[in-house]
Protein backbone atom coordinates (compact mmCIF):
# COMPACT_ATOMS: atom_id res chain seq x y z
CA MET A 1 -43.75 -29.68 -59.25
CA PHE A 2 -43.68 -27.21 -62.05
CA ARG A 3 -45.21 -24.00 -61.00
CA ASN A 4 -42.52 -21.22 -61.92
CA ILE A 5 -40.95 -21.99 -65.35
CA LEU A 6 -38.23 -20.12 -66.56
CA VAL A 7 -36.82 -19.72 -70.43
CA PRO A 8 -33.68 -18.18 -71.13
CA LEU A 9 -33.66 -15.63 -74.24
CA ASP A 10 -30.76 -14.40 -76.33
CA GLY A 11 -32.70 -12.19 -79.05
CA SER A 12 -32.67 -15.19 -81.61
CA LEU A 13 -35.30 -16.79 -83.29
CA VAL A 14 -33.70 -20.22 -82.18
CA SER A 15 -33.87 -19.45 -78.51
CA GLU A 16 -37.71 -18.90 -78.69
CA LYS A 17 -38.16 -22.22 -79.84
CA ALA A 18 -38.17 -23.31 -76.15
CA LEU A 19 -41.40 -21.40 -75.74
CA PRO A 20 -43.92 -23.91 -77.29
CA LEU A 21 -42.73 -26.61 -75.02
CA ALA A 22 -42.35 -24.33 -71.69
CA LEU A 23 -45.96 -23.16 -72.39
CA GLN A 24 -47.39 -26.56 -73.15
CA ILE A 25 -46.16 -27.66 -69.57
CA ALA A 26 -47.34 -24.57 -68.07
CA ARG A 27 -50.77 -24.94 -69.10
CA ARG A 28 -51.32 -28.38 -67.82
CA ALA A 29 -49.19 -27.70 -64.70
CA GLY A 30 -51.07 -24.13 -64.15
CA ALA A 31 -47.38 -22.53 -63.86
CA ASP A 32 -46.05 -19.13 -64.38
CA ILE A 33 -43.89 -18.15 -66.90
CA ARG A 34 -40.35 -16.10 -66.45
CA LEU A 35 -38.48 -14.82 -69.54
CA ILE A 36 -34.65 -13.86 -68.72
CA CYS A 37 -32.19 -12.41 -70.93
CA VAL A 38 -28.49 -12.15 -69.63
CA VAL A 39 -26.25 -9.75 -70.97
CA PRO A 40 -22.36 -10.87 -70.59
CA PRO A 41 -20.25 -7.62 -69.18
CA ALA A 42 -18.33 -7.55 -72.45
CA VAL A 43 -21.22 -7.15 -74.38
CA ALA A 44 -23.23 -4.74 -72.11
CA LYS A 45 -20.36 -2.15 -72.59
CA GLY A 46 -21.77 -0.72 -75.71
CA PRO A 47 -24.46 -1.45 -78.58
CA PRO A 48 -23.92 -4.24 -80.69
CA HIS A 49 -23.24 -1.86 -83.66
CA PRO A 50 -21.67 1.66 -84.08
CA GLY A 51 -24.95 3.93 -84.12
CA LEU A 52 -27.53 1.14 -82.76
CA PRO A 53 -29.19 1.24 -79.41
CA ARG A 54 -29.09 -1.73 -77.45
CA ASN A 55 -32.58 -3.41 -77.61
CA GLU A 56 -32.62 -6.59 -75.28
CA LYS A 57 -35.58 -5.11 -72.99
CA THR A 58 -37.60 -4.42 -76.26
CA VAL A 59 -36.96 -8.06 -77.32
CA VAL A 60 -37.96 -9.51 -74.43
CA ASP A 61 -41.11 -7.40 -73.83
CA LEU A 62 -42.30 -8.17 -77.25
CA VAL A 63 -42.01 -11.79 -76.54
CA ALA A 64 -43.56 -11.37 -73.34
CA TRP A 65 -46.68 -9.80 -75.22
CA ARG A 66 -46.83 -12.43 -77.58
CA VAL A 67 -46.91 -15.18 -75.11
CA ARG A 68 -49.72 -13.21 -73.12
CA GLN A 69 -51.54 -12.73 -76.47
CA ALA A 70 -51.49 -16.64 -76.96
CA GLU A 71 -52.15 -17.67 -73.20
CA HIS A 72 -54.84 -15.18 -71.90
CA GLY A 73 -54.30 -14.92 -68.23
CA LYS A 74 -51.07 -16.33 -68.28
CA THR A 75 -48.80 -14.65 -65.58
CA VAL A 76 -45.62 -13.58 -67.66
CA SER A 77 -42.83 -11.80 -65.96
CA THR A 78 -39.14 -10.48 -67.51
CA SER A 79 -35.93 -9.80 -66.23
CA LEU A 80 -33.06 -8.35 -67.95
CA VAL A 81 -29.83 -8.81 -65.99
CA GLU A 82 -25.95 -8.47 -66.47
CA GLY A 83 -23.22 -10.96 -65.73
CA PRO A 84 -21.49 -14.32 -66.48
CA VAL A 85 -24.20 -16.07 -68.16
CA ALA A 86 -24.47 -19.51 -66.75
CA PRO A 87 -23.83 -18.41 -63.40
CA THR A 88 -26.17 -15.47 -63.45
CA LEU A 89 -28.95 -18.16 -64.97
CA ALA A 90 -28.48 -20.48 -62.33
CA GLU A 91 -28.67 -17.87 -59.43
CA HIS A 92 -31.29 -16.22 -60.76
CA ALA A 93 -33.40 -19.15 -61.50
CA ALA A 94 -32.51 -20.19 -57.42
CA GLY A 95 -33.41 -16.81 -56.43
CA VAL A 96 -36.72 -16.46 -57.98
CA GLY A 97 -37.87 -20.11 -56.88
CA ALA A 98 -38.09 -21.49 -60.56
CA ASP A 99 -38.58 -25.38 -60.86
CA LEU A 100 -37.63 -25.75 -64.33
CA ILE A 101 -35.78 -24.31 -66.72
CA VAL A 102 -36.50 -24.66 -70.67
CA MET A 103 -34.04 -23.62 -73.24
CA THR A 104 -33.11 -24.51 -76.71
CA THR A 105 -29.42 -25.82 -77.47
CA HIS A 106 -28.09 -23.99 -80.08
CA GLY A 107 -27.98 -21.00 -82.48
CA ARG A 108 -26.53 -17.57 -82.49
CA GLY A 109 -28.76 -14.52 -81.14
CA ALA A 110 -28.31 -11.20 -82.71
CA ILE A 111 -28.11 -9.31 -79.32
CA SER A 112 -25.95 -11.23 -76.89
CA ARG A 113 -24.90 -14.67 -78.39
CA PHE A 114 -24.53 -15.89 -75.07
CA TRP A 115 -25.67 -19.23 -73.59
CA LEU A 116 -25.67 -21.41 -76.87
CA GLY A 117 -23.31 -24.27 -77.09
CA SER A 118 -20.99 -24.28 -74.22
CA VAL A 119 -22.92 -22.10 -71.74
CA THR A 120 -25.87 -24.70 -71.90
CA ASP A 121 -23.13 -27.42 -70.57
CA GLU A 122 -22.12 -25.10 -67.99
CA LEU A 123 -25.28 -24.28 -66.94
CA ILE A 124 -26.61 -28.08 -66.45
CA ARG A 125 -23.43 -28.36 -64.14
CA ARG A 126 -24.25 -25.48 -61.95
CA SER A 127 -28.08 -25.43 -61.98
CA THR A 128 -29.88 -27.03 -58.98
CA VAL A 129 -33.11 -26.34 -60.88
CA PRO A 130 -33.79 -28.83 -63.38
CA VAL A 131 -33.04 -28.03 -66.88
CA LEU A 132 -35.09 -29.40 -69.92
CA VAL A 133 -33.19 -28.84 -73.06
CA THR A 134 -34.88 -29.02 -76.81
CA ARG A 135 -33.24 -29.00 -80.37
CA PRO A 136 -35.29 -26.58 -82.67
CA THR A 137 -36.48 -28.17 -85.90
CA ASP A 138 -36.40 -24.52 -87.79
CA ASN A 139 -35.59 -20.89 -87.26
CA GLU A 140 -39.08 -19.66 -88.01
CA PRO A 141 -41.14 -19.43 -85.20
CA ALA A 142 -44.63 -18.21 -85.55
CA ASP A 143 -47.15 -16.50 -83.02
CA ALA A 144 -49.28 -19.65 -84.12
CA GLU A 145 -46.51 -22.09 -82.70
CA LEU A 146 -46.65 -20.77 -79.14
CA THR A 147 -49.91 -22.60 -78.58
CA LYS A 148 -48.66 -25.65 -80.79
CA GLU A 149 -49.10 -29.01 -78.65
CA THR A 150 -46.38 -31.67 -79.21
CA PRO A 151 -47.17 -35.04 -77.58
CA ILE A 152 -45.09 -36.29 -74.66
CA ARG A 153 -45.57 -40.15 -74.78
CA ARG A 154 -42.77 -41.42 -72.98
CA VAL A 155 -40.09 -40.21 -70.30
CA ILE A 156 -36.97 -42.39 -70.57
CA VAL A 157 -35.04 -42.45 -67.27
CA PRO A 158 -31.47 -44.04 -67.67
CA LEU A 159 -30.60 -45.91 -63.62
CA ASP A 160 -27.49 -47.49 -62.60
CA GLY A 161 -28.63 -48.36 -59.25
CA SER A 162 -27.21 -45.35 -57.70
CA PRO A 163 -29.51 -42.97 -55.52
CA LEU A 164 -27.98 -40.29 -57.55
CA ALA A 165 -29.32 -41.59 -60.90
CA GLU A 166 -33.11 -42.07 -59.36
CA ALA A 167 -32.81 -38.31 -58.78
CA ALA A 168 -34.08 -37.83 -61.92
CA LEU A 169 -37.35 -39.67 -60.99
CA GLY A 170 -38.91 -36.91 -59.35
CA PRO A 171 -38.76 -34.47 -62.17
CA ALA A 172 -39.45 -37.18 -64.71
CA THR A 173 -42.39 -38.70 -63.13
CA ALA A 174 -43.87 -35.13 -62.45
CA LEU A 175 -43.60 -34.45 -66.20
CA ALA A 176 -45.00 -37.84 -67.03
CA ARG A 177 -47.94 -37.32 -64.78
CA LEU A 178 -48.95 -33.96 -66.76
CA PHE A 179 -49.06 -35.60 -70.04
CA GLY A 180 -50.29 -39.06 -69.10
CA ALA A 181 -47.00 -40.55 -70.40
CA THR A 182 -45.04 -43.76 -69.77
CA VAL A 183 -42.10 -43.75 -67.40
CA GLY A 184 -39.35 -46.05 -69.52
CA LEU A 185 -37.03 -47.26 -67.20
CA PHE A 186 -33.61 -48.14 -68.93
CA HIS A 187 -30.62 -49.99 -67.85
CA ALA A 188 -27.57 -50.36 -70.25
CA VAL A 189 -25.15 -53.70 -69.09
CA PRO A 190 -21.57 -52.66 -70.18
CA MET A 191 -20.35 -55.17 -72.86
CA LEU A 192 -17.57 -57.17 -71.85
CA PRO A 193 -14.30 -57.52 -73.62
CA VAL A 194 -14.42 -60.10 -76.64
CA MET A 195 -12.06 -62.37 -77.22
CA LEU A 196 -10.40 -63.08 -80.64
CA ALA A 197 -9.88 -66.52 -81.72
CA GLU A 198 -9.46 -68.52 -84.98
CA GLY A 199 -8.79 -65.82 -87.22
CA ALA A 200 -11.19 -63.20 -87.68
CA VAL A 201 -13.96 -65.46 -85.72
CA LEU A 202 -14.88 -63.38 -82.37
CA THR A 203 -15.75 -65.61 -79.38
CA GLN A 204 -16.69 -64.79 -75.73
CA PRO A 205 -15.38 -67.04 -72.98
CA ALA A 206 -18.12 -68.99 -71.12
CA ALA A 207 -16.99 -67.31 -67.84
CA ASP A 208 -17.51 -63.76 -69.28
CA VAL A 209 -20.71 -64.96 -70.77
CA ALA A 210 -22.16 -65.95 -67.49
CA VAL A 211 -21.10 -62.63 -65.71
CA LEU A 212 -22.89 -60.58 -68.48
CA ASP A 213 -25.82 -63.02 -67.78
CA GLU A 214 -25.77 -62.16 -64.20
CA LEU A 215 -25.31 -58.35 -64.67
CA THR A 216 -28.46 -58.75 -66.95
CA ARG A 217 -30.52 -60.37 -64.06
CA GLN A 218 -29.61 -57.99 -61.45
CA ALA A 219 -30.23 -55.16 -63.61
CA HIS A 220 -33.68 -56.47 -64.49
CA GLU A 221 -34.15 -56.82 -60.85
CA MET A 222 -33.38 -53.22 -60.31
CA LEU A 223 -35.35 -51.79 -62.68
CA ASN A 224 -38.40 -54.06 -61.58
CA ARG A 225 -38.12 -52.87 -57.93
CA THR A 226 -38.47 -49.37 -58.92
CA ALA A 227 -41.00 -49.92 -61.60
CA GLU A 228 -43.40 -51.64 -59.13
CA ARG A 229 -42.93 -48.69 -56.78
CA LEU A 230 -44.00 -46.37 -59.60
CA ALA A 231 -46.67 -48.18 -60.56
CA ALA A 232 -47.99 -48.78 -57.45
CA ASP A 233 -48.21 -44.57 -57.15
CA GLY A 234 -50.44 -44.61 -60.33
CA LEU A 235 -47.94 -44.23 -63.13
CA LYS A 236 -47.79 -46.41 -66.17
CA VAL A 237 -44.07 -47.86 -66.34
CA GLN A 238 -41.96 -49.98 -68.78
CA THR A 239 -38.23 -51.45 -68.29
CA THR A 240 -35.79 -51.97 -71.03
CA VAL A 241 -32.37 -53.61 -70.30
CA VAL A 242 -29.96 -53.94 -73.34
CA ILE A 243 -26.26 -54.90 -73.55
CA ALA A 244 -24.38 -51.86 -74.98
CA GLU A 245 -20.88 -50.64 -75.61
CA ARG A 246 -21.80 -46.87 -75.48
CA PRO A 247 -24.30 -46.17 -72.89
CA ALA A 248 -25.31 -42.95 -74.75
CA VAL A 249 -25.79 -44.14 -78.05
CA ALA A 250 -27.88 -47.45 -76.76
CA ILE A 251 -30.21 -44.58 -74.97
CA LEU A 252 -30.67 -42.79 -77.91
CA GLU A 253 -31.22 -45.66 -80.34
CA GLN A 254 -34.47 -46.23 -77.94
CA THR A 255 -35.78 -42.91 -78.69
CA LYS A 256 -38.72 -42.00 -80.96
CA PRO A 257 -40.97 -38.69 -81.17
CA GLY A 258 -42.94 -38.28 -78.39
CA ASP A 259 -40.18 -39.13 -75.89
CA VAL A 260 -38.05 -37.22 -73.46
CA ILE A 261 -35.07 -38.43 -71.51
CA ALA A 262 -34.65 -37.49 -68.02
CA VAL A 263 -30.65 -37.96 -66.55
CA ALA A 264 -29.41 -37.16 -63.53
CA THR A 265 -25.51 -35.58 -63.65
CA HIS A 266 -23.45 -34.18 -60.97
CA ALA A 267 -20.57 -36.09 -59.28
CA ARG A 268 -17.37 -37.98 -60.38
CA THR A 269 -17.05 -40.81 -58.25
CA PRO A 270 -16.52 -44.47 -58.29
CA ALA A 271 -20.06 -44.92 -56.80
CA VAL A 272 -21.62 -43.08 -59.73
CA ARG A 273 -21.42 -45.24 -62.86
CA TRP A 274 -21.62 -44.67 -66.77
CA PHE A 275 -24.10 -42.11 -67.80
CA LEU A 276 -23.40 -39.25 -65.38
CA GLY A 277 -21.71 -35.93 -66.51
CA SER A 278 -20.27 -37.04 -70.11
CA VAL A 279 -22.98 -39.44 -70.75
CA ALA A 280 -25.61 -36.41 -70.27
CA ASP A 281 -23.45 -34.16 -72.44
CA LYS A 282 -23.53 -36.62 -75.24
CA LEU A 283 -27.11 -37.27 -74.84
CA ILE A 284 -27.80 -33.48 -75.07
CA ARG A 285 -25.81 -32.99 -78.34
CA GLY A 286 -26.88 -36.18 -80.19
CA SER A 287 -30.70 -36.27 -79.08
CA ASP A 288 -33.84 -35.44 -81.42
CA VAL A 289 -36.02 -35.34 -78.25
CA PRO A 290 -35.81 -33.16 -75.27
CA VAL A 291 -33.66 -34.11 -72.31
CA LEU A 292 -34.46 -33.26 -69.10
CA VAL A 293 -31.26 -32.75 -66.69
CA VAL A 294 -31.47 -32.99 -63.24
CA ARG A 295 -28.56 -32.19 -60.85
CA PRO A 296 -29.06 -33.02 -57.31
CA THR A 297 -28.76 -30.04 -54.83
CA GLY A 298 -25.11 -29.89 -53.74
CA LYS A 299 -21.86 -28.04 -54.76
CA ALA A 300 -21.24 -27.62 -58.43
CA THR A 301 -18.78 -29.62 -60.24
């Protein structure tokens, strides 16, 4: 599934921290690497400092050279484009046939300072290409890190029973296959209101407990149906159902090193339940493990 991987760069060391993960996937998938730098129109009008030439192309070309040196035989292409950053990245990814974007979440580039932070949020709402967001651990990438292998042992997929949520399964299972990882299906049953009685003692009506038990039973059935289908396709699968007041926190509490979270995001309708949209944003901002964000093809929200 992953044959053409796009890595956005902004001239910062932090943005380059996406490269080891992107290359790790590319090695297993036999994918090509595309490096892109988008220069916002306001920045493109002149050099970043008086008397200094602009050097975006030099930076991108240098990174491409490093990748070629580390990955002999790997096809690496570069692009330098001007425009509004998130729309330009989304349009470019679709135009070149990219099937995965790998990028970091924060930092400030010496060149264009463009996509980190809020632009990442905008990109995942616009891009029909899955976006794999990773959080760097330090600011000192070295050439040796380009060949670094970080195990991916489990891909966690939150599901809520909607077809939209299951849109994450395609990219998630493709990633799991590359690494021989387990697919962890996850559902958070929303916690029911708790009644206060007898001073500071919290109790819950029996009727509410019965409803909660039924919701939990249905959640297990839902995940088990999907698990059986994936297992029949040769994947290792585990299921987890928890009762939680805050779904994003519940998901993050499940993660450990070697995990990736894969989540769908797109719509704002009653049929689309708890984790879409704002929960995906919370996962990206709060997760210490990579987050794969999938927005099904359709009109951007």
